[in-house]
Amino acid sequence: MKKITVVIIILLMFLGIWVRLYNSEHLEYKDRVIKVYVCGEINKEGIYSLNEKSRLEDLIKLAGGLKEGADVSKINYAQKLIDGEKIVIKSKKREQSENKGVDIHSMSYEDWIAIDGIGDSTANNIIDYLEENRNANINDLINVPGIGDKKLKRIIDGFTK
């Protein structure tokens, strides 16, 4: 009889622990909050906290909307946002490159590394520089870490080929 009582007490104890650990409160899904930085042609640049299910449209509304010069043709309002992401709203008035009208601000990572002498690090440095210097032209790339006179000439020559 003592053994049965001990076994029942142990089972009740485990049942109590299980109920406490797996009660309905722990099974409820709670939305995660993400932080996203938005800059460029937006009324209120900054870091915003949003629900992880938010879209770019939600971020734009939260940031006070777009400025008049925003290039809406490049915006995917349905884009899902990612925690820690940086969103740059580009301008319609991007200065065109002096070489064949190439808009250096719209070039992708792949476009940059396709130019002779531009590797991974330099391509990323160029993209970062252009995001922070929205009015920069091709000659301003001399200010990018890793680009000197020779490399700038190679970049310019890359547009004329």
Protein backbone atom coordinates (compact mmCIF):
# COMPACT_ATOMS: atom_id res chain seq x y z
CA MET A 1 0.00 0.00 0.00
CA LYS A 2 2.87 2.37 0.80
CA LYS A 3 4.40 1.74 -2.63
CA ILE A 4 1.15 2.60 -4.41
CA THR A 5 0.80 5.81 -2.40
CA VAL A 6 4.39 6.83 -3.21
CA VAL A 7 3.87 6.08 -6.92
CA ILE A 8 0.61 8.12 -6.97
CA ILE A 9 2.31 11.05 -5.24
CA ILE A 10 5.20 10.95 -7.73
CA LEU A 11 2.79 10.77 -10.68
CA LEU A 12 0.78 13.70 -9.33
CA MET A 13 3.97 15.66 -8.85
CA PHE A 14 5.04 15.03 -12.47
CA LEU A 15 1.53 15.84 -13.67
CA GLY A 16 1.65 19.15 -11.78
CA ILE A 17 5.02 20.03 -13.28
CA TRP A 18 3.83 19.09 -16.78
CA VAL A 19 0.65 21.19 -16.44
CA ARG A 20 2.66 24.15 -15.17
CA LEU A 21 5.20 23.95 -17.99
CA TYR A 22 2.71 23.35 -20.78
CA ASN A 23 -0.29 25.39 -19.77
CA SER A 24 -2.18 27.38 -22.41
CA GLU A 25 -0.30 30.60 -21.67
CA HIS A 26 2.95 29.11 -22.98
CA LEU A 27 1.26 27.73 -26.08
CA GLU A 28 -0.05 31.11 -27.27
CA TYR A 29 1.85 32.64 -30.18
CA LYS A 30 3.19 36.08 -29.50
CA ASP A 31 4.22 38.32 -32.38
CA ARG A 32 7.87 39.23 -32.43
CA VAL A 33 8.95 42.85 -32.75
CA ILE A 34 11.60 43.75 -35.31
CA LYS A 35 13.59 46.95 -35.81
CA VAL A 36 14.16 48.42 -39.27
CA TYR A 37 16.10 51.54 -40.32
CA VAL A 38 14.66 53.66 -43.13
CA CYS A 39 16.37 56.62 -44.82
CA GLY A 40 16.44 58.54 -48.06
CA GLU A 41 13.34 60.12 -49.56
CA ILE A 42 11.21 59.49 -46.46
CA ASN A 43 9.69 62.18 -44.22
CA LYS A 44 11.04 60.82 -40.91
CA GLU A 45 14.28 58.87 -41.24
CA GLY A 46 15.09 56.58 -38.34
CA ILE A 47 14.79 53.20 -36.66
CA TYR A 48 11.26 51.85 -36.28
CA SER A 49 9.87 48.96 -34.25
CA LEU A 50 7.26 46.90 -36.08
CA ASN A 51 5.52 43.56 -35.89
CA GLU A 52 7.53 40.89 -37.71
CA LYS A 53 4.66 40.42 -40.17
CA SER A 54 4.89 44.06 -41.31
CA ARG A 55 5.46 45.11 -44.90
CA LEU A 56 7.31 48.07 -46.41
CA GLU A 57 3.99 49.86 -46.81
CA ASP A 58 3.53 49.78 -43.00
CA LEU A 59 7.02 51.19 -42.43
CA ILE A 60 6.46 54.02 -44.91
CA LYS A 61 3.21 55.00 -43.16
CA LEU A 62 4.92 54.89 -39.76
CA ALA A 63 7.74 57.09 -41.06
CA GLY A 64 5.36 59.81 -42.21
CA GLY A 65 5.19 58.85 -45.87
CA LEU A 66 7.43 59.51 -48.83
CA LYS A 67 8.95 62.82 -49.88
CA GLU A 68 7.90 64.29 -53.23
CA GLY A 69 11.14 63.25 -54.92
CA ALA A 70 10.86 59.55 -54.03
CA ASP A 71 11.20 57.12 -56.93
CA VAL A 72 8.05 55.05 -56.36
CA SER A 73 8.80 52.87 -59.39
CA LYS A 74 11.57 51.17 -57.36
CA ILE A 75 9.44 50.55 -54.24
CA ASN A 76 7.86 47.17 -53.52
CA TYR A 77 5.21 48.11 -50.98
CA ALA A 78 4.49 44.43 -50.29
CA GLN A 79 8.12 43.65 -49.35
CA LYS A 80 8.42 41.74 -46.08
CA LEU A 81 10.68 43.42 -43.54
CA ILE A 82 13.60 41.75 -41.77
CA ASP A 83 14.95 42.55 -38.31
CA GLY A 84 18.00 44.81 -38.60
CA GLU A 85 17.32 45.69 -42.23
CA LYS A 86 18.22 49.06 -43.78
CA ILE A 87 15.73 50.40 -46.32
CA VAL A 88 16.88 53.23 -48.60
CA ILE A 89 14.12 55.09 -50.44
CA LYS A 90 15.79 56.37 -53.61
CA SER A 91 15.20 59.68 -55.36
CA LYS A 92 13.97 60.24 -58.92
CA LYS A 93 16.63 62.93 -59.30
CA ARG A 94 19.67 60.67 -59.12
CA GLU A 95 22.61 62.28 -60.79
CA GLN A 96 23.51 60.33 -63.91
CA SER A 97 27.03 59.09 -64.39
CA GLU A 98 29.04 61.09 -66.88
CA ASN A 99 29.67 57.88 -68.79
CA LYS A 100 26.85 56.71 -71.06
CA GLY A 101 24.14 57.88 -68.65
CA VAL A 102 24.66 54.98 -66.23
CA ASP A 103 22.97 55.62 -62.89
CA ILE A 104 25.60 54.39 -60.43
CA HIS A 105 23.05 54.59 -57.61
CA SER A 106 20.85 51.92 -59.17
CA MET A 107 23.68 49.44 -59.77
CA SER A 108 23.52 46.17 -57.87
CA TYR A 109 26.33 44.30 -56.14
CA GLU A 110 26.53 41.99 -59.18
CA ASP A 111 26.89 45.01 -61.52
CA TRP A 112 29.81 46.34 -59.48
CA ILE A 113 31.78 43.09 -59.25
CA ALA A 114 31.36 42.62 -63.01
CA ILE A 115 33.70 45.61 -63.50
CA ASP A 116 37.36 44.63 -63.84
CA GLY A 117 39.25 45.20 -60.58
CA ILE A 118 36.18 45.43 -58.33
CA GLY A 119 35.94 42.63 -55.80
CA ASP A 120 33.56 41.78 -52.98
CA SER A 121 34.89 44.25 -50.42
CA THR A 122 35.15 47.19 -52.82
CA ALA A 123 31.66 46.54 -54.24
CA ASN A 124 30.20 46.57 -50.73
CA ASN A 125 32.14 49.75 -49.87
CA ILE A 126 30.81 51.46 -53.02
CA ILE A 127 27.21 50.48 -52.27
CA ASP A 128 27.51 51.70 -48.66
CA TYR A 129 29.07 54.99 -49.82
CA LEU A 130 26.36 55.61 -52.42
CA GLU A 131 23.59 54.89 -49.90
CA GLU A 132 25.03 57.52 -47.57
CA ASN A 133 25.91 60.01 -50.34
CA ARG A 134 22.80 60.14 -52.48
CA ASN A 135 24.09 62.94 -54.71
CA ALA A 136 27.49 61.40 -55.42
CA ASN A 137 28.61 60.96 -59.02
CA ILE A 138 31.11 58.55 -60.47
CA ASN A 139 34.09 60.81 -59.75
CA ASP A 140 33.14 60.93 -56.06
CA LEU A 141 33.93 57.21 -55.80
CA ILE A 142 37.53 58.29 -55.14
CA ASN A 143 36.29 58.83 -51.55
CA VAL A 144 35.41 55.13 -51.16
CA PRO A 145 37.88 53.12 -49.05
CA GLY A 146 39.96 50.96 -51.36
CA ILE A 147 39.57 53.16 -54.45
CA GLY A 148 42.50 55.20 -55.65
CA ASP A 149 43.14 56.98 -58.93
CA LYS A 150 43.99 53.79 -60.85
CA LYS A 151 40.95 51.88 -59.64
CA LEU A 152 38.66 54.85 -60.34
CA LYS A 153 40.00 54.94 -63.90
CA ARG A 154 39.26 51.20 -64.24
CA ILE A 155 35.71 51.79 -63.00
CA ILE A 156 35.15 54.62 -65.48
CA ASP A 157 36.66 52.52 -68.25
CA GLY A 158 34.30 49.68 -67.23
CA PHE A 159 31.34 51.85 -68.23
CA THR A 160 32.74 52.61 -71.66
CA LYS A 161 33.28 48.97 -72.65
